[in-house]
Amino acid sequence: MHTFVLTTDYIELNKILKFYSLVESGAQAKQVISDGWVYVNGRKELRIRNKLVAGDTVTYKDHQIHIV
């Protein structure tokens, strides 16, 4: 599990996937989110720029990212 420390109010879902190199590009981030492969707090998330805040957990394949 990764832990991401926010330095702003939020981070967008597509950007966190790129930050941890779970996808190769913004286009790939958009595709995996649109295809329903990404979960936020246990629910399938289809909003590409969903604003993640402290307490959220992102799951993609076998990776988890906890936002603090």
C-alpha atoms as a PDB file:
ATOM      1  CA  MET A   1       0.000   0.000   0.000  1.00  0.00           C
ATOM      2  CA  HIS A   2       1.197   3.469  -0.881  1.00  0.00           C
ATOM      3  CA  THR A   3       0.482   6.518   1.261  1.00  0.00           C
ATOM      4  CA  PHE A   4       0.084   9.866  -0.479  1.00  0.00           C
ATOM      5  CA  VAL A   5       0.377  12.993   1.682  1.00  0.00           C
ATOM      6  CA  LEU A   6      -1.731  15.861   0.364  1.00  0.00           C
ATOM      7  CA  THR A   7      -0.104  19.283   0.232  1.00  0.00           C
ATOM      8  CA  THR A   8      -3.240  20.849  -1.299  1.00  0.00           C
ATOM      9  CA  ASP A   9      -6.959  20.369  -0.682  1.00  0.00           C
ATOM     10  CA  TYR A  10      -7.227  17.468  -3.149  1.00  0.00           C
ATOM     11  CA  ILE A  11      -5.574  15.525  -5.978  1.00  0.00           C
ATOM     12  CA  GLU A  12      -7.360  14.334  -9.106  1.00  0.00           C
ATOM     13  CA  LEU A  13      -7.726  10.589  -9.669  1.00  0.00           C
ATOM     14  CA  ASN A  14      -5.976  10.527 -13.044  1.00  0.00           C
ATOM     15  CA  LYS A  15      -2.991  12.401 -11.604  1.00  0.00           C
ATOM     16  CA  ILE A  16      -2.449  10.009  -8.712  1.00  0.00           C
ATOM     17  CA  LEU A  17      -2.312   7.054 -11.092  1.00  0.00           C
ATOM     18  CA  LYS A  18       0.365   8.859 -13.094  1.00  0.00           C
ATOM     19  CA  PHE A  19       2.233   9.958  -9.936  1.00  0.00           C
ATOM     20  CA  TYR A  20       2.771   6.340  -8.884  1.00  0.00           C
ATOM     21  CA  SER A  21       3.508   5.249 -12.483  1.00  0.00           C
ATOM     22  CA  LEU A  22       0.579   2.845 -12.455  1.00  0.00           C
ATOM     23  CA  VAL A  23      -0.182   4.081 -15.975  1.00  0.00           C
ATOM     24  CA  GLU A  24       2.170   5.333 -18.670  1.00  0.00           C
ATOM     25  CA  SER A  25       0.236   8.421 -19.722  1.00  0.00           C
ATOM     26  CA  GLY A  26      -2.755  10.617 -19.067  1.00  0.00           C
ATOM     27  CA  ALA A  27      -4.545   8.916 -21.951  1.00  0.00           C
ATOM     28  CA  GLN A  28      -3.996   5.517 -20.362  1.00  0.00           C
ATOM     29  CA  ALA A  29      -5.219   6.851 -16.996  1.00  0.00           C
ATOM     30  CA  LYS A  30      -8.387   8.098 -18.701  1.00  0.00           C
ATOM     31  CA  GLN A  31      -8.884   4.729 -20.384  1.00  0.00           C
ATOM     32  CA  VAL A  32      -8.484   2.526 -17.288  1.00  0.00           C
ATOM     33  CA  ILE A  33     -10.797   4.800 -15.285  1.00  0.00           C
ATOM     34  CA  SER A  34     -13.412   4.894 -18.073  1.00  0.00           C
ATOM     35  CA  ASP A  35     -13.197   1.109 -18.420  1.00  0.00           C
ATOM     36  CA  GLY A  36     -14.051   0.671 -14.730  1.00  0.00           C
ATOM     37  CA  TRP A  37     -10.723  -0.708 -13.481  1.00  0.00           C
ATOM     38  CA  VAL A  38     -10.248   1.901 -10.726  1.00  0.00           C
ATOM     39  CA  TYR A  39     -12.016   1.941  -7.359  1.00  0.00           C
ATOM     40  CA  VAL A  40     -12.236   4.723  -4.788  1.00  0.00           C
ATOM     41  CA  ASN A  41     -13.231   3.682  -1.279  1.00  0.00           C
ATOM     42  CA  GLY A  42     -14.354   0.300  -2.594  1.00  0.00           C
ATOM     43  CA  ARG A  43     -16.642   1.684  -5.314  1.00  0.00           C
ATOM     44  CA  LYS A  44     -16.002   1.700  -9.040  1.00  0.00           C
ATOM     45  CA  GLU A  45     -15.068   5.270 -10.045  1.00  0.00           C
ATOM     46  CA  LEU A  46     -15.693   6.478 -13.601  1.00  0.00           C
ATOM     47  CA  ARG A  47     -14.961  10.196 -13.068  1.00  0.00           C
ATOM     48  CA  ILE A  48     -11.510  10.827 -14.493  1.00  0.00           C
ATOM     49  CA  ARG A  49     -10.844  13.983 -12.494  1.00  0.00           C
ATOM     50  CA  ASN A  50     -12.547  12.865  -9.305  1.00  0.00           C
ATOM     51  CA  LYS A  51     -11.155  14.974  -6.465  1.00  0.00           C
ATOM     52  CA  LEU A  52      -9.519  12.774  -3.857  1.00  0.00           C
ATOM     53  CA  VAL A  53      -9.240  14.074  -0.310  1.00  0.00           C
ATOM     54  CA  ALA A  54      -7.680  12.851   2.926  1.00  0.00           C
ATOM     55  CA  GLY A  55      -9.191   9.532   3.972  1.00  0.00           C
ATOM     56  CA  ASP A  56      -9.818   8.253   0.434  1.00  0.00           C
ATOM     57  CA  THR A  57      -8.330   4.980  -0.784  1.00  0.00           C
ATOM     58  CA  VAL A  58      -7.698   4.248  -4.463  1.00  0.00           C
ATOM     59  CA  THR A  59      -7.433   0.677  -5.726  1.00  0.00           C
ATOM     60  CA  TYR A  60      -6.125  -0.246  -9.178  1.00  0.00           C
ATOM     61  CA  LYS A  61      -5.170  -3.845  -9.969  1.00  0.00           C
ATOM     62  CA  ASP A  62      -3.193  -5.012  -6.917  1.00  0.00           C
ATOM     63  CA  HIS A  63      -2.160  -1.491  -5.854  1.00  0.00           C
ATOM     64  CA  GLN A  64      -3.751   0.570  -3.082  1.00  0.00           C
ATOM     65  CA  ILE A  65      -3.094   4.233  -2.393  1.00  0.00           C
ATOM     66  CA  HIS A  66      -4.264   5.794   0.851  1.00  0.00           C
ATOM     67  CA  ILE A  67      -4.640   9.588   0.814  1.00  0.00           C
ATOM     68  CA  VAL A  68      -3.673  11.388   4.034  1.00  0.00           C
END
